[in-house]
Amino acid sequence: MEHDLDIVKRFATRVVVSSGWVVAVASPQEADKYVL
C-alpha cells in the first residue's frame, strides 16, 4: 500500500502539472479518488 501511495502521489503531481489541479497536491486522498 505504501508503494501504491507513493506512485499515486507521483502520478497525482504529474497530473497536476499537466492539468493544473492544485487540489490533488493539497489533498492526496482526493487525488487518489481522481486517479481511480
N, C-alpha and C. Protein backbone atom coordinates (compact mmCIF):
# COMPACT_ATOMS: atom_id res chain seq x y z
N MET A 1 0.85 -1.21 0.00
CA MET A 1 0.00 0.00 0.00
C MET A 1 0.88 1.25 0.00
N GLU A 2 1.96 1.19 0.75
CA GLU A 2 2.86 2.36 0.79
C GLU A 2 3.38 2.67 -0.61
N HIS A 3 3.77 1.62 -1.33
CA HIS A 3 4.28 1.84 -2.69
C HIS A 3 3.18 2.46 -3.57
N ASP A 4 1.98 1.93 -3.43
CA ASP A 4 0.86 2.46 -4.22
C ASP A 4 0.68 3.95 -3.94
N LEU A 5 0.71 4.30 -2.65
CA LEU A 5 0.53 5.72 -2.28
C LEU A 5 1.63 6.56 -2.92
N ASP A 6 2.86 6.05 -2.88
CA ASP A 6 3.98 6.79 -3.46
C ASP A 6 3.73 7.00 -4.96
N ILE A 7 3.32 5.95 -5.63
CA ILE A 7 3.06 6.05 -7.08
C ILE A 7 1.93 7.04 -7.33
N VAL A 8 0.88 6.91 -6.53
CA VAL A 8 -0.27 7.82 -6.70
C VAL A 8 0.18 9.26 -6.49
N LYS A 9 1.02 9.46 -5.47
CA LYS A 9 1.49 10.82 -5.19
C LYS A 9 2.27 11.35 -6.40
N ARG A 10 3.15 10.54 -6.92
CA ARG A 10 3.96 10.99 -8.08
C ARG A 10 3.04 11.22 -9.28
N PHE A 11 2.14 10.28 -9.51
CA PHE A 11 1.23 10.41 -10.65
C PHE A 11 0.36 11.64 -10.48
N ALA A 12 -0.15 11.83 -9.27
CA ALA A 12 -1.01 13.00 -8.99
C ALA A 12 -0.23 14.28 -9.29
N THR A 13 1.02 14.34 -8.85
CA THR A 13 1.83 15.54 -9.11
C THR A 13 1.95 15.78 -10.61
N ARG A 14 2.17 14.71 -11.35
CA ARG A 14 2.29 14.87 -12.82
C ARG A 14 0.96 15.33 -13.40
N VAL A 15 -0.11 14.75 -12.94
CA VAL A 15 -1.44 15.14 -13.45
C VAL A 15 -1.69 16.62 -13.13
N VAL A 16 -1.31 17.02 -11.94
CA VAL A 16 -1.50 18.43 -11.53
C VAL A 16 -0.73 19.33 -12.48
N VAL A 17 0.51 18.97 -12.77
CA VAL A 17 1.33 19.80 -13.65
C VAL A 17 0.74 19.82 -15.06
N SER A 18 0.14 18.69 -15.45
CA SER A 18 -0.40 18.59 -16.81
C SER A 18 -1.76 19.29 -16.89
N SER A 19 -2.63 18.99 -15.94
CA SER A 19 -3.98 19.57 -15.97
C SER A 19 -4.05 20.86 -15.16
N GLY A 20 -3.19 20.98 -14.16
CA GLY A 20 -3.21 22.18 -13.33
C GLY A 20 -4.15 22.02 -12.15
N TRP A 21 -4.18 20.81 -11.56
CA TRP A 21 -5.04 20.55 -10.41
C TRP A 21 -4.26 20.75 -9.12
N VAL A 22 -4.49 21.88 -8.47
CA VAL A 22 -3.78 22.15 -7.21
C VAL A 22 -4.41 21.35 -6.07
N VAL A 23 -5.66 20.95 -6.26
CA VAL A 23 -6.36 20.19 -5.21
C VAL A 23 -5.67 18.85 -4.98
N ALA A 24 -5.17 18.26 -6.05
CA ALA A 24 -4.53 16.95 -5.93
C ALA A 24 -3.31 17.06 -5.01
N VAL A 25 -2.53 18.10 -5.20
CA VAL A 25 -1.33 18.25 -4.36
C VAL A 25 -1.73 18.58 -2.93
N ALA A 26 -2.80 19.37 -2.78
CA ALA A 26 -3.24 19.77 -1.45
C ALA A 26 -3.87 18.60 -0.71
N SER A 27 -4.62 17.76 -1.44
CA SER A 27 -5.29 16.62 -0.81
C SER A 27 -4.93 15.32 -1.52
N PRO A 28 -3.97 14.56 -0.97
CA PRO A 28 -3.58 13.28 -1.58
C PRO A 28 -4.78 12.33 -1.68
N GLN A 29 -5.63 12.34 -0.67
CA GLN A 29 -6.80 11.44 -0.69
C GLN A 29 -7.69 11.78 -1.89
N GLU A 30 -7.92 13.06 -2.11
CA GLU A 30 -8.76 13.46 -3.24
C GLU A 30 -8.10 13.02 -4.54
N ALA A 31 -6.80 13.16 -4.62
CA ALA A 31 -6.08 12.77 -5.83
C ALA A 31 -6.29 11.28 -6.09
N ASP A 32 -6.25 10.49 -5.01
CA ASP A 32 -6.46 9.05 -5.17
C ASP A 32 -7.82 8.80 -5.82
N LYS A 33 -8.83 9.54 -5.38
CA LYS A 33 -10.18 9.37 -5.95
C LYS A 33 -10.16 9.76 -7.43
N TYR A 34 -9.51 10.87 -7.74
CA TYR A 34 -9.47 11.32 -9.13
C TYR A 34 -8.73 10.31 -10.00
N VAL A 35 -7.60 9.83 -9.47
CA VAL A 35 -6.80 8.87 -10.25
C VAL A 35 -7.63 7.61 -10.50
N LEU A 36 -8.34 7.15 -9.47
CA LEU A 36 -9.15 5.94 -9.63
C LEU A 36 -10.36 6.25 -10.48
